[in-house]
Structure formats: C-alpha cells, structure tokens
C-alpha cells in the first residue's frame, strides 16, 4: 500500500541534520561546495531539486552518499507527481495478441 505521507525533501535533511548540526551557514557551505549561495539556498528551502552533480558534491563535502541524496530526491519527486492530479486517465496497456 502506498504511503499518503509526503516524503521529506532532501534539502530539509541538508538544512536540519547537516548545516544546523555543524553550525554551518549557507554562505560558507556554498563556498565549500563551489556553488552560488542562491543555488544552495534554493535547495535547503526546498525550492530546487538535488541533481546528480549536487549529490556528488554533497557526498564529497559531508560524507553522505550521492545515492542517499538522489534516492531522497527521487522519492520526493515521484510522490509529488502522483499526488499532483496531473496524471489521470492513463490505463495499463495490455498486449492484444502476437504477430504471426
């Protein structure tokens, strides 16, 4: 059974469990990641997704695997689409018959 509870955006984990715990500002973290403050701010404020490149940057900087970040992002994205109401009226396509 599919969960109705929205998965956590990976930016929330980055903000709450890493940056706050390390007492690290967005500005300082962005400098270390070699990205703009704006780019990191959009992620930690849950307005932007974590790309594969960003996941690798986070892995290098904080030791949390790129796969962890991408799995979180994937789960969040899929849940959002499934609950958006944009995907409706699509039915499973069944194989009709085999060509001879």
PDB file of N, CA and C in Angstrom:
ATOM      1  N   UNK A   1       0.841  -1.184   0.000  1.00  0.00           N
ATOM      2  CA  UNK A   1       0.000   0.000   0.000  1.00  0.00           C
ATOM      3  C   UNK A   1       0.886   1.247   0.000  1.00  0.00           C
ATOM      4  N   UNK A   2       0.537   2.172  -0.829  1.00  0.00           N
ATOM      5  CA  UNK A   2       1.337   3.396  -0.974  1.00  0.00           C
ATOM      6  C   UNK A   2       1.068   4.359   0.184  1.00  0.00           C
ATOM      7  N   UNK A   3       2.126   4.943   0.680  1.00  0.00           N
ATOM      8  CA  UNK A   3       2.002   5.895   1.781  1.00  0.00           C
ATOM      9  C   UNK A   3       1.413   7.222   1.299  1.00  0.00           C
ATOM     10  N   UNK A   4       0.523   7.763   2.090  1.00  0.00           N
ATOM     11  CA  UNK A   4      -0.060   9.066   1.780  1.00  0.00           C
ATOM     12  C   UNK A   4       0.797  10.194   2.347  1.00  0.00           C
ATOM     13  N   UNK A   5       1.767   9.844   3.185  1.00  0.00           N
ATOM     14  CA  UNK A   5       2.607  10.862   3.805  1.00  0.00           C
ATOM     15  C   UNK A   5       3.695  11.319   2.838  1.00  0.00           C
ATOM     16  N   UNK A   6       3.819  12.602   2.671  1.00  0.00           N
ATOM     17  CA  UNK A   6       4.806  13.156   1.749  1.00  0.00           C
ATOM     18  C   UNK A   6       6.221  12.893   2.252  1.00  0.00           C
ATOM     19  N   UNK A   7       7.089  12.365   1.375  1.00  0.00           N
ATOM     20  CA  UNK A   7       8.491  12.181   1.773  1.00  0.00           C
ATOM     21  C   UNK A   7       9.157  13.533   2.046  1.00  0.00           C
ATOM     22  N   UNK A   8      10.209  13.484   2.813  1.00  0.00           N
ATOM     23  CA  UNK A   8      10.957  14.698   3.149  1.00  0.00           C
ATOM     24  C   UNK A   8      11.801  15.108   1.950  1.00  0.00           C
ATOM     25  N   UNK A   9      11.808  16.399   1.660  1.00  0.00           N
ATOM     26  CA  UNK A   9      12.680  16.930   0.609  1.00  0.00           C
ATOM     27  C   UNK A   9      14.121  16.819   1.120  1.00  0.00           C
ATOM     28  N   UNK A  10      15.060  16.398   0.270  1.00  0.00           N
ATOM     29  CA  UNK A  10      16.441  16.266   0.736  1.00  0.00           C
ATOM     30  C   UNK A  10      17.042  17.579   1.235  1.00  0.00           C
ATOM     31  N   UNK A  11      16.542  18.699   0.761  1.00  0.00           N
ATOM     32  CA  UNK A  11      17.021  19.991   1.249  1.00  0.00           C
ATOM     33  C   UNK A  11      16.739  20.190   2.728  1.00  0.00           C
ATOM     34  N   UNK A  12      15.628  19.622   3.209  1.00  0.00           N
ATOM     35  CA  UNK A  12      15.296  19.722   4.637  1.00  0.00           C
ATOM     36  C   UNK A  12      16.310  18.950   5.473  1.00  0.00           C
ATOM     37  N   UNK A  13      16.731  17.787   4.982  1.00  0.00           N
ATOM     38  CA  UNK A  13      17.749  16.997   5.683  1.00  0.00           C
ATOM     39  C   UNK A  13      19.070  17.756   5.696  1.00  0.00           C
ATOM     40  N   UNK A  14      19.423  18.317   4.555  1.00  0.00           N
ATOM     41  CA  UNK A  14      20.654  19.093   4.462  1.00  0.00           C
ATOM     42  C   UNK A  14      20.628  20.267   5.442  1.00  0.00           C
ATOM     43  N   UNK A  15      19.512  20.965   5.492  1.00  0.00           N
ATOM     44  CA  UNK A  15      19.369  22.133   6.361  1.00  0.00           C
ATOM     45  C   UNK A  15      19.385  21.753   7.841  1.00  0.00           C
ATOM     46  N   UNK A  16      18.527  20.792   8.208  1.00  0.00           N
ATOM     47  CA  UNK A  16      18.326  20.474   9.625  1.00  0.00           C
ATOM     48  C   UNK A  16      19.389  19.553  10.209  1.00  0.00           C
ATOM     49  N   UNK A  17      19.764  18.528   9.466  1.00  0.00           N
ATOM     50  CA  UNK A  17      20.638  17.493  10.026  1.00  0.00           C
ATOM     51  C   UNK A  17      22.115  17.705   9.728  1.00  0.00           C
ATOM     52  N   UNK A  18      22.407  18.560   8.767  1.00  0.00           N
ATOM     53  CA  UNK A  18      23.825  18.774   8.446  1.00  0.00           C
ATOM     54  C   UNK A  18      24.240  20.209   8.745  1.00  0.00           C
ATOM     55  N   UNK A  19      23.651  21.171   8.052  1.00  0.00           N
ATOM     56  CA  UNK A  19      24.096  22.559   8.231  1.00  0.00           C
ATOM     57  C   UNK A  19      23.868  23.053   9.656  1.00  0.00           C
ATOM     58  N   UNK A  20      22.673  22.822  10.202  1.00  0.00           N
ATOM     59  CA  UNK A  20      22.407  23.289  11.577  1.00  0.00           C
ATOM     60  C   UNK A  20      23.270  22.557  12.591  1.00  0.00           C
ATOM     61  N   UNK A  21      23.391  21.239  12.424  1.00  0.00           N
ATOM     62  CA  UNK A  21      24.197  20.451  13.365  1.00  0.00           C
ATOM     63  C   UNK A  21      25.664  20.869  13.351  1.00  0.00           C
ATOM     64  N   UNK A  22      26.154  21.243  12.165  1.00  0.00           N
ATOM     65  CA  UNK A  22      27.548  21.655  12.042  1.00  0.00           C
ATOM     66  C   UNK A  22      27.731  23.158  12.275  1.00  0.00           C
ATOM     67  N   UNK A  23      26.602  23.836  12.538  1.00  0.00           N
ATOM     68  CA  UNK A  23      26.620  25.303  12.708  1.00  0.00           C
ATOM     69  C   UNK A  23      27.293  25.970  11.512  1.00  0.00           C
ATOM     70  N   UNK A  24      26.881  25.511  10.323  1.00  0.00           N
ATOM     71  CA  UNK A  24      27.470  25.961   9.074  1.00  0.00           C
ATOM     72  C   UNK A  24      26.464  26.823   8.321  1.00  0.00           C
ATOM     73  N   UNK A  25      26.862  28.017   7.949  1.00  0.00           N
ATOM     74  CA  UNK A  25      25.961  28.911   7.212  1.00  0.00           C
ATOM     75  C   UNK A  25      25.822  28.440   5.768  1.00  0.00           C
ATOM     76  N   UNK A  26      24.734  28.862   5.137  1.00  0.00           N
ATOM     77  CA  UNK A  26      24.528  28.557   3.727  1.00  0.00           C
ATOM     78  C   UNK A  26      25.677  29.145   2.904  1.00  0.00           C
ATOM     79  N   UNK A  27      26.086  30.345   3.248  1.00  0.00           N
ATOM     80  CA  UNK A  27      27.173  31.009   2.514  1.00  0.00           C
ATOM     81  C   UNK A  27      28.453  30.191   2.583  1.00  0.00           C
ATOM     82  N   UNK A  28      28.839  29.766   3.785  1.00  0.00           N
ATOM     83  CA  UNK A  28      30.076  29.000   3.961  1.00  0.00           C
ATOM     84  C   UNK A  28      29.991  27.642   3.269  1.00  0.00           C
ATOM     85  N   UNK A  29      28.844  26.984   3.410  1.00  0.00           N
ATOM     86  CA  UNK A  29      28.665  25.678   2.768  1.00  0.00           C
ATOM     87  C   UNK A  29      28.723  25.824   1.250  1.00  0.00           C
ATOM     88  N   UNK A  30      28.085  26.856   0.719  1.00  0.00           N
ATOM     89  CA  UNK A  30      28.090  27.087  -0.727  1.00  0.00           C
ATOM     90  C   UNK A  30      29.507  27.321  -1.232  1.00  0.00           C
ATOM     91  N   UNK A  31      30.284  28.095  -0.481  1.00  0.00           N
ATOM     92  CA  UNK A  31      31.677  28.335  -0.864  1.00  0.00           C
ATOM     93  C   UNK A  31      32.441  27.023  -0.942  1.00  0.00           C
ATOM     94  N   UNK A  32      32.253  26.166   0.057  1.00  0.00           N
ATOM     95  CA  UNK A  32      32.946  24.883   0.096  1.00  0.00           C
ATOM     96  C   UNK A  32      32.507  23.963  -1.044  1.00  0.00           C
ATOM     97  N   UNK A  33      31.239  24.039  -1.411  1.00  0.00           N
ATOM     98  CA  UNK A  33      30.703  23.206  -2.483  1.00  0.00           C
ATOM     99  C   UNK A  33      31.009  23.766  -3.876  1.00  0.00           C
ATOM    100  N   UNK A  34      31.559  24.996  -3.906  1.00  0.00           N
ATOM    101  CA  UNK A  34      31.860  25.695  -5.159  1.00  0.00           C
ATOM    102  C   UNK A  34      30.600  25.929  -5.997  1.00  0.00           C
ATOM    103  N   UNK A  35      29.548  26.387  -5.291  1.00  0.00           N
ATOM    104  CA  UNK A  35      28.295  26.761  -5.946  1.00  0.00           C
ATOM    105  C   UNK A  35      27.871  28.111  -5.392  1.00  0.00           C
ATOM    106  N   UNK A  36      26.862  28.713  -6.003  1.00  0.00           N
ATOM    107  CA  UNK A  36      26.395  30.003  -5.508  1.00  0.00           C
ATOM    108  C   UNK A  36      25.560  29.818  -4.243  1.00  0.00           C
ATOM    109  N   UNK A  37      25.547  30.858  -3.429  1.00  0.00           N
ATOM    110  CA  UNK A  37      24.720  30.859  -2.234  1.00  0.00           C
ATOM    111  C   UNK A  37      23.260  30.679  -2.615  1.00  0.00           C
ATOM    112  N   UNK A  38      22.850  31.325  -3.711  1.00  0.00           N
ATOM    113  CA  UNK A  38      21.463  31.243  -4.188  1.00  0.00           C
ATOM    114  C   UNK A  38      21.087  29.799  -4.525  1.00  0.00           C
ATOM    115  N   UNK A  39      21.986  29.105  -5.202  1.00  0.00           N
ATOM    116  CA  UNK A  39      21.712  27.716  -5.582  1.00  0.00           C
ATOM    117  C   UNK A  39      21.502  26.838  -4.349  1.00  0.00           C
ATOM    118  N   UNK A  40      22.372  26.980  -3.364  1.00  0.00           N
ATOM    119  CA  UNK A  40      22.241  26.181  -2.144  1.00  0.00           C
ATOM    120  C   UNK A  40      21.008  26.591  -1.354  1.00  0.00           C
ATOM    121  N   UNK A  41      20.739  27.877  -1.296  1.00  0.00           N
ATOM    122  CA  UNK A  41      19.561  28.374  -0.591  1.00  0.00           C
ATOM    123  C   UNK A  41      18.276  27.797  -1.174  1.00  0.00           C
ATOM    124  N   UNK A  42      18.210  27.712  -2.497  1.00  0.00           N
ATOM    125  CA  UNK A  42      17.018  27.149  -3.141  1.00  0.00           C
ATOM    126  C   UNK A  42      16.826  25.684  -2.773  1.00  0.00           C
ATOM    127  N   UNK A  43      17.923  24.956  -2.622  1.00  0.00           N
ATOM    128  CA  UNK A  43      17.825  23.545  -2.226  1.00  0.00           C
ATOM    129  C   UNK A  43      17.383  23.426  -0.775  1.00  0.00           C
ATOM    130  N   UNK A  44      18.051  24.122   0.134  1.00  0.00           N
ATOM    131  CA  UNK A  44      17.716  23.965   1.554  1.00  0.00           C
ATOM    132  C   UNK A  44      16.346  24.533   1.898  1.00  0.00           C
ATOM    133  N   UNK A  45      15.842  25.428   1.066  1.00  0.00           N
ATOM    134  CA  UNK A  45      14.486  25.947   1.270  1.00  0.00           C
ATOM    135  C   UNK A  45      13.447  25.162   0.465  1.00  0.00           C
ATOM    136  N   UNK A  46      13.875  24.017  -0.064  1.00  0.00           N
ATOM    137  CA  UNK A  46      13.015  23.042  -0.729  1.00  0.00           C
ATOM    138  C   UNK A  46      12.359  23.573  -1.998  1.00  0.00           C
ATOM    139  N   UNK A  47      13.038  24.499  -2.657  1.00  0.00           N
ATOM    140  CA  UNK A  47      12.524  25.048  -3.901  1.00  0.00           C
ATOM    141  C   UNK A  47      13.224  24.505  -5.131  1.00  0.00           C
ATOM    142  N   UNK A  48      14.306  23.773  -4.933  1.00  0.00           N
ATOM    143  CA  UNK A  48      15.058  23.216  -6.056  1.00  0.00           C
ATOM    144  C   UNK A  48      15.434  21.773  -5.727  1.00  0.00           C
ATOM    145  N   UNK A  49      15.576  20.987  -6.776  1.00  0.00           N
ATOM    146  CA  UNK A  49      15.928  19.579  -6.625  1.00  0.00           C
ATOM    147  C   UNK A  49      17.444  19.407  -6.540  1.00  0.00           C
ATOM    148  N   UNK A  50      17.834  18.282  -5.999  1.00  0.00           N
ATOM    149  CA  UNK A  50      19.244  17.912  -5.954  1.00  0.00           C
ATOM    150  C   UNK A  50      19.558  17.100  -7.204  1.00  0.00           C
ATOM    151  N   UNK A  51      20.481  17.599  -7.999  1.00  0.00           N
ATOM    152  CA  UNK A  51      20.916  16.913  -9.228  1.00  0.00           C
ATOM    153  C   UNK A  51      21.975  15.876  -8.872  1.00  0.00           C
ATOM    154  N   UNK A  52      22.317  15.052  -9.862  1.00  0.00           N
ATOM    155  CA  UNK A  52      23.382  14.065  -9.655  1.00  0.00           C
ATOM    156  C   UNK A  52      24.700  14.767  -9.294  1.00  0.00           C
ATOM    157  N   UNK A  53      24.993  15.862  -9.994  1.00  0.00           N
ATOM    158  CA  UNK A  53      26.225  16.592  -9.691  1.00  0.00           C
ATOM    159  C   UNK A  53      26.217  17.134  -8.265  1.00  0.00           C
ATOM    160  N   UNK A  54      25.086  17.712  -7.855  1.00  0.00           N
ATOM    161  CA  UNK A  54      24.988  18.240  -6.494  1.00  0.00           C
ATOM    162  C   UNK A  54      25.110  17.113  -5.474  1.00  0.00           C
ATOM    163  N   UNK A  55      24.529  15.961  -5.771  1.00  0.00           N
ATOM    164  CA  UNK A  55      24.616  14.818  -4.859  1.00  0.00           C
ATOM    165  C   UNK A  55      26.067  14.409  -4.649  1.00  0.00           C
ATOM    166  N   UNK A  56      26.853  14.419  -5.719  1.00  0.00           N
ATOM    167  CA  UNK A  56      28.277  14.073  -5.599  1.00  0.00           C
ATOM    168  C   UNK A  56      29.019  15.148  -4.814  1.00  0.00           C
ATOM    169  N   UNK A  57      28.694  16.412  -5.039  1.00  0.00           N
ATOM    170  CA  UNK A  57      29.307  17.493  -4.258  1.00  0.00           C
ATOM    171  C   UNK A  57      29.012  17.315  -2.767  1.00  0.00           C
ATOM    172  N   UNK A  58      27.764  16.990  -2.448  1.00  0.00           N
ATOM    173  CA  UNK A  58      27.375  16.790  -1.046  1.00  0.00           C
ATOM    174  C   UNK A  58      28.090  15.587  -0.447  1.00  0.00           C
ATOM    175  N   UNK A  59      28.237  14.527  -1.238  1.00  0.00           N
ATOM    176  CA  UNK A  59      28.966  13.352  -0.766  1.00  0.00           C
ATOM    177  C   UNK A  59      30.410  13.715  -0.430  1.00  0.00           C
ATOM    178  N   UNK A  60      31.051  14.454  -1.317  1.00  0.00           N
ATOM    179  CA  UNK A  60      32.445  14.858  -1.086  1.00  0.00           C
ATOM    180  C   UNK A  60      32.568  15.753   0.154  1.00  0.00           C
ATOM    181  N   UNK A  61      31.635  16.665   0.320  1.00  0.00           N
ATOM    182  CA  UNK A  61      31.720  17.640   1.412  1.00  0.00           C
ATOM    183  C   UNK A  61      31.320  17.071   2.772  1.00  0.00           C
ATOM    184  N   UNK A  62      30.289  16.205   2.783  1.00  0.00           N
ATOM    185  CA  UNK A  62      29.724  15.791   4.068  1.00  0.00           C
ATOM    186  C   UNK A  62      29.778  14.289   4.339  1.00  0.00           C
ATOM    187  N   UNK A  63      30.261  13.507   3.360  1.00  0.00           N
ATOM    188  CA  UNK A  63      30.404  12.069   3.575  1.00  0.00           C
ATOM    189  C   UNK A  63      29.105  11.285   3.536  1.00  0.00           C
ATOM    190  N   UNK A  64      28.040  11.904   3.061  1.00  0.00           N
ATOM    191  CA  UNK A  64      26.758  11.205   2.912  1.00  0.00           C
ATOM    192  C   UNK A  64      26.636  10.844   1.437  1.00  0.00           C
ATOM    193  N   UNK A  65      26.391   9.580   1.147  1.00  0.00           N
ATOM    194  CA  UNK A  65      26.480   9.093  -0.234  1.00  0.00           C
ATOM    195  C   UNK A  65      25.573   9.843  -1.214  1.00  0.00           C
ATOM    196  N   UNK A  66      26.072   9.964  -2.431  1.00  0.00           N
ATOM    197  CA  UNK A  66      25.298  10.587  -3.510  1.00  0.00           C
ATOM    198  C   UNK A  66      23.998   9.817  -3.724  1.00  0.00           C
ATOM    199  N   UNK A  67      24.055   8.512  -3.578  1.00  0.00           N
ATOM    200  CA  UNK A  67      22.854   7.679  -3.752  1.00  0.00           C
ATOM    201  C   UNK A  67      21.773   8.030  -2.727  1.00  0.00           C
ATOM    202  N   UNK A  68      22.181   8.320  -1.494  1.00  0.00           N
ATOM    203  CA  UNK A  68      21.222   8.732  -0.463  1.00  0.00           C
ATOM    204  C   UNK A  68      20.465   9.975  -0.913  1.00  0.00           C
ATOM    205  N   UNK A  69      21.205  11.000  -1.371  1.00  0.00           N
ATOM    206  CA  UNK A  69      20.574  12.254  -1.782  1.00  0.00           C
ATOM    207  C   UNK A  69      19.655  12.040  -2.980  1.00  0.00           C
ATOM    208  N   UNK A  70      20.118  11.255  -3.957  1.00  0.00           N
ATOM    209  CA  UNK A  70      19.306  11.031  -5.157  1.00  0.00           C
ATOM    210  C   UNK A  70      18.086  10.168  -4.866  1.00  0.00           C
ATOM    211  N   UNK A  71      18.214   9.191  -3.980  1.00  0.00           N
ATOM    212  CA  UNK A  71      17.049   8.384  -3.589  1.00  0.00           C
ATOM    213  C   UNK A  71      16.007   9.248  -2.902  1.00  0.00           C
ATOM    214  N   UNK A  72      16.463  10.119  -2.020  1.00  0.00           N
ATOM    215  CA  UNK A  72      15.513  11.025  -1.346  1.00  0.00           C
ATOM    216  C   UNK A  72      14.808  11.917  -2.366  1.00  0.00           C
ATOM    217  N   UNK A  73      15.582  12.468  -3.304  1.00  0.00           N
ATOM    218  CA  UNK A  73      15.006  13.354  -4.311  1.00  0.00           C
ATOM    219  C   UNK A  73      14.011  12.597  -5.189  1.00  0.00           C
ATOM    220  N   UNK A  74      14.393  11.382  -5.595  1.00  0.00           N
ATOM    221  CA  UNK A  74      13.510  10.555  -6.429  1.00  0.00           C
ATOM    222  C   UNK A  74      12.200  10.267  -5.708  1.00  0.00           C
ATOM    223  N   UNK A  75      12.256   9.850  -4.464  1.00  0.00           N
ATOM    224  CA  UNK A  75      11.043   9.548  -3.701  1.00  0.00           C
ATOM    225  C   UNK A  75      10.161  10.775  -3.552  1.00  0.00           C
ATOM    226  N   UNK A  76      10.775  11.907  -3.292  1.00  0.00           N
ATOM    227  CA  UNK A  76      10.042  13.163  -3.156  1.00  0.00           C
ATOM    228  C   UNK A  76       9.366  13.533  -4.480  1.00  0.00           C
ATOM    229  N   UNK A  77      10.114  13.453  -5.570  1.00  0.00           N
ATOM    230  CA  UNK A  77       9.588  13.828  -6.887  1.00  0.00           C
ATOM    231  C   UNK A  77       8.439  12.921  -7.316  1.00  0.00           C
ATOM    232  N   UNK A  78       8.602  11.616  -7.144  1.00  0.00           N
ATOM    233  CA  UNK A  78       7.547  10.679  -7.537  1.00  0.00           C
ATOM    234  C   UNK A  78       6.290  10.923  -6.728  1.00  0.00           C
ATOM    235  N   UNK A  79       6.427  11.105  -5.419  1.00  0.00           N
ATOM    236  CA  UNK A  79       5.261  11.358  -4.572  1.00  0.00           C
ATOM    237  C   UNK A  79       4.532  12.618  -5.040  1.00  0.00           C
ATOM    238  N   UNK A  80       5.306  13.680  -5.305  1.00  0.00           N
ATOM    239  CA  UNK A  80       4.703  14.942  -5.749  1.00  0.00           C
ATOM    240  C   UNK A  80       3.909  14.757  -7.040  1.00  0.00           C
ATOM    241  N   UNK A  81       4.463  14.045  -8.002  1.00  0.00           N
ATOM    242  CA  UNK A  81       3.757  13.826  -9.271  1.00  0.00           C
ATOM    243  C   UNK A  81       2.494  13.002  -9.045  1.00  0.00           C
ATOM    244  N   UNK A  82       2.607  11.920  -8.290  1.00  0.00           N
ATOM    245  CA  UNK A  82       1.454  11.048  -8.052  1.00  0.00           C
ATOM    246  C   UNK A  82       0.323  11.773  -7.321  1.00  0.00           C
ATOM    247  N   UNK A  83       0.649  12.769  -6.543  1.00  0.00           N
ATOM    248  CA  UNK A  83      -0.368  13.494  -5.771  1.00  0.00           C
ATOM    249  C   UNK A  83      -0.709  14.858  -6.365  1.00  0.00           C
ATOM    250  N   UNK A  84      -0.215  15.131  -7.552  1.00  0.00           N
ATOM    251  CA  UNK A  84      -0.441  16.437  -8.176  1.00  0.00           C
ATOM    252  C   UNK A  84      -1.776  16.535  -8.901  1.00  0.00           C
ATOM    253  N   UNK A  85      -2.345  15.393  -9.256  1.00  0.00           N
ATOM    254  CA  UNK A  85      -3.572  15.405 -10.045  1.00  0.00           C
ATOM    255  C   UNK A  85      -3.318  15.588 -11.539  1.00  0.00           C
ATOM    256  N   UNK A  86      -2.072  15.696 -11.941  1.00  0.00           N
ATOM    257  CA  UNK A  86      -1.747  15.902 -13.361  1.00  0.00           C
ATOM    258  C   UNK A  86      -1.755  14.607 -14.163  1.00  0.00           C
ATOM    259  N   UNK A  87      -1.606  13.479 -13.489  1.00  0.00           N
ATOM    260  CA  UNK A  87      -1.541  12.194 -14.175  1.00  0.00           C
ATOM    261  C   UNK A  87      -2.863  11.474 -13.928  1.00  0.00           C
ATOM    262  N   UNK A  88      -3.781  11.623 -14.872  1.00  0.00           N
ATOM    263  CA  UNK A  88      -5.100  10.993 -14.739  1.00  0.00           C
ATOM    264  C   UNK A  88      -5.518  10.386 -16.058  1.00  0.00           C
ATOM    265  N   UNK A  89      -6.375   9.379 -15.979  1.00  0.00           N
ATOM    266  CA  UNK A  89      -6.949   8.787 -17.177  1.00  0.00           C
ATOM    267  C   UNK A  89      -6.003   7.901 -17.960  1.00  0.00           C
ATOM    268  N   UNK A  90      -4.898   7.530 -17.364  1.00  0.00           N
ATOM    269  CA  UNK A  90      -3.959   6.640 -18.045  1.00  0.00           C
ATOM    270  C   UNK A  90      -4.238   5.220 -17.560  1.00  0.00           C
ATOM    271  N   UNK A  91      -4.433   4.323 -18.511  1.00  0.00           N
ATOM    272  CA  UNK A  91      -4.740   2.932 -18.172  1.00  0.00           C
ATOM    273  C   UNK A  91      -3.612   2.039 -18.653  1.00  0.00           C
ATOM    274  N   UNK A  92      -3.442   0.937 -17.961  1.00  0.00           N
ATOM    275  CA  UNK A  92      -2.394  -0.015 -18.338  1.00  0.00           C
ATOM    276  C   UNK A  92      -2.685  -0.546 -19.734  1.00  0.00           C
ATOM    277  N   UNK A  93      -1.672  -0.600 -20.554  1.00  0.00           N
ATOM    278  CA  UNK A  93      -1.802  -1.125 -21.913  1.00  0.00           C
ATOM    279  C   UNK A  93      -1.538  -2.622 -21.856  1.00  0.00           C
ATOM    280  N   UNK A  94      -2.531  -3.384 -22.296  1.00  0.00           N
ATOM    281  CA  UNK A  94      -2.413  -4.838 -22.304  1.00  0.00           C
ATOM    282  C   UNK A  94      -2.020  -5.306 -23.689  1.00  0.00           C
ATOM    283  N   UNK A  95      -1.240  -6.356 -23.739  1.00  0.00           N
ATOM    284  CA  UNK A  95      -0.837  -6.921 -25.032  1.00  0.00           C
ATOM    285  C   UNK A  95      -2.067  -7.574 -25.654  1.00  0.00           C
ATOM    286  N   UNK A  96      -2.363  -7.196 -26.882  1.00  0.00           N
ATOM    287  CA  UNK A  96      -3.567  -7.670 -27.553  1.00  0.00           C
ATOM    288  C   UNK A  96      -3.346  -9.052 -28.174  1.00  0.00           C
ATOM    289  N   UNK A  97      -2.276  -9.243 -28.823  1.00  0.00           N
ATOM    290  CA  UNK A  97      -2.006 -10.526 -29.467  1.00  0.00           C
ATOM    291  C   UNK A  97      -0.621 -10.532 -30.063  1.00  0.00           C
ATOM    292  N   UNK A  98      -0.214 -11.675 -30.473  1.00  0.00           N
ATOM    293  CA  UNK A  98       1.114 -11.822 -31.068  1.00  0.00           C
ATOM    294  C   UNK A  98       0.999 -11.776 -32.574  1.00  0.00           C
ATOM    295  N   UNK A  99       1.957 -11.138 -33.215  1.00  0.00           N
ATOM    296  CA  UNK A  99       2.004 -11.136 -34.687  1.00  0.00           C
ATOM    297  C   UNK A  99       2.481 -12.499 -35.159  1.00  0.00           C
ATOM    298  N   UNK A 100       1.901 -13.005 -36.222  1.00  0.00           N
ATOM    299  CA  UNK A 100       2.283 -14.324 -36.742  1.00  0.00           C
ATOM    300  C   UNK A 100       3.392 -14.221 -37.745  1.00  0.00           C
TER     301      UNK A 100
END
